Protein backbone atom coordinates (compact mmCIF):
# COMPACT_ATOMS: atom_id res chain seq x y z
CA MET A 1 56.40 116.21 155.12
CA PHE A 2 58.70 118.04 157.51
CA ASN A 3 61.18 115.19 157.24
CA LEU A 4 61.72 115.89 153.53
CA THR A 5 64.51 117.96 152.07
CA ALA A 6 63.61 121.12 150.19
CA PHE A 7 64.50 119.33 146.94
CA GLN A 8 62.17 116.44 147.76
CA ARG A 9 59.37 118.90 148.50
CA ASP A 10 60.04 120.61 145.17
CA LEU A 11 59.80 117.24 143.40
CA LEU A 12 56.53 116.56 145.15
CA TYR A 13 55.05 119.93 144.17
CA VAL A 14 56.06 119.50 140.53
CA ALA A 15 54.69 115.95 140.39
CA ALA A 16 51.44 117.23 141.89
CA GLY A 17 51.05 119.76 139.08
CA LEU A 18 51.47 117.27 136.26
CA ASN A 19 49.51 114.23 135.10
CA ARG A 20 51.59 111.10 135.71
CA PRO A 21 54.87 112.72 134.70
CA SER A 22 57.98 110.73 133.91
CA GLY A 23 61.11 111.39 135.91
CA GLN A 24 62.51 113.23 132.90
CA ARG A 25 59.44 115.47 132.72
CA ILE A 26 59.73 116.33 136.41
CA LYS A 27 63.44 116.99 135.90
CA SER A 28 62.81 119.27 132.90
CA GLU A 29 60.11 121.25 134.68
CA LEU A 30 62.19 121.76 137.79
CA GLU A 31 65.36 122.63 135.87
CA GLU A 32 63.58 125.65 134.40
CA ASP A 33 63.55 127.15 137.89
CA ILE A 34 66.53 125.76 139.78
CA GLY A 35 69.07 124.78 137.12
CA GLU A 36 70.68 121.49 136.18
CA ILE A 37 69.68 118.35 138.06
CA THR A 38 71.68 115.16 137.66
CA HIS A 39 70.12 111.72 137.40
CA GLY A 40 72.11 110.80 140.50
CA ARG A 41 70.22 113.44 142.45
CA LEU A 42 66.80 113.04 140.86
CA TYR A 43 66.05 109.34 141.01
CA PRO A 44 67.23 108.56 144.55
CA ASN A 45 65.04 111.40 145.78
CA LEU A 46 62.05 110.19 143.77
CA ASP A 47 62.68 106.71 145.19
CA THR A 48 62.57 108.19 148.70
CA LEU A 49 59.19 109.79 147.97
CA VAL A 50 57.94 106.40 146.77
CA GLU A 51 59.31 104.66 149.88
CA LEU A 52 57.63 107.22 152.13
CA GLY A 53 54.32 106.66 150.36
CA TYR A 54 53.94 110.18 148.97
CA VAL A 55 54.05 109.04 145.32
CA THR A 56 53.54 105.83 143.44
CA GLN A 57 55.72 104.75 140.59
CA GLY A 58 54.28 103.05 137.54
CA GLU A 59 55.59 101.95 134.19
CA ILE A 60 54.94 103.83 130.95
CA ASP A 61 57.15 101.46 128.98
CA ARG A 62 60.14 99.24 129.71
CA ARG A 63 62.46 102.25 130.03
CA THR A 64 60.19 104.95 131.45
CA ASN A 65 58.37 105.26 134.75
CA TYR A 66 55.71 107.71 135.79
CA TYR A 67 55.11 109.21 139.21
CA GLU A 68 51.74 110.02 140.73
CA LEU A 69 50.81 111.53 144.08
CA THR A 70 49.11 109.26 146.58
CA ASP A 71 46.37 110.38 148.92
CA ASP A 72 49.06 110.65 151.62
CA GLY A 73 51.10 112.86 149.30
CA ARG A 74 48.14 115.16 148.67
CA ARG A 75 47.38 115.36 152.40
CA ALA A 76 51.02 116.13 153.17
CA LEU A 77 51.09 118.94 150.60
CA ARG A 78 47.83 120.35 151.93
CA LYS A 79 49.15 120.32 155.51
CA ARG A 80 52.40 121.93 154.37
CA ARG A 81 50.50 124.71 152.61
CA GLU A 82 48.37 125.30 155.70
CA TRP A 83 51.52 125.49 157.83
CA GLU A 84 53.14 127.93 155.38
CA ASP A 85 50.00 130.09 155.37
CA ARG A 86 50.22 130.45 159.15
CA TYR A 87 53.48 132.34 158.69
CA VAL A 88 53.17 133.92 155.28
CA ASP A 89 49.96 135.70 154.36
CA PHE A 90 50.22 137.96 151.37
CA ASP A 91 46.46 138.54 151.22
CA ASP A 92 46.76 141.25 153.89
CA ASP A 93 49.05 143.49 151.75
């Protein structure tokens, strides 16, 4: 997980929060927070997450794929959150 870019981590978090989202759905969700994302940025980064085994890619129809977290992806997110919590703890405020 520490080898991912911030954008790749963002993609992973968004995919984790949705049920088998398409690339377009992930793009739309993320654009609400960070602004415009080009296809040339989105899909190569999703492909990297697939290659690393954090998400699987399936087919909705001949033109549309979905993305789903793998067990490795869930474990990586969990470990990342635990690492973040070591440094940022807002519960003590």
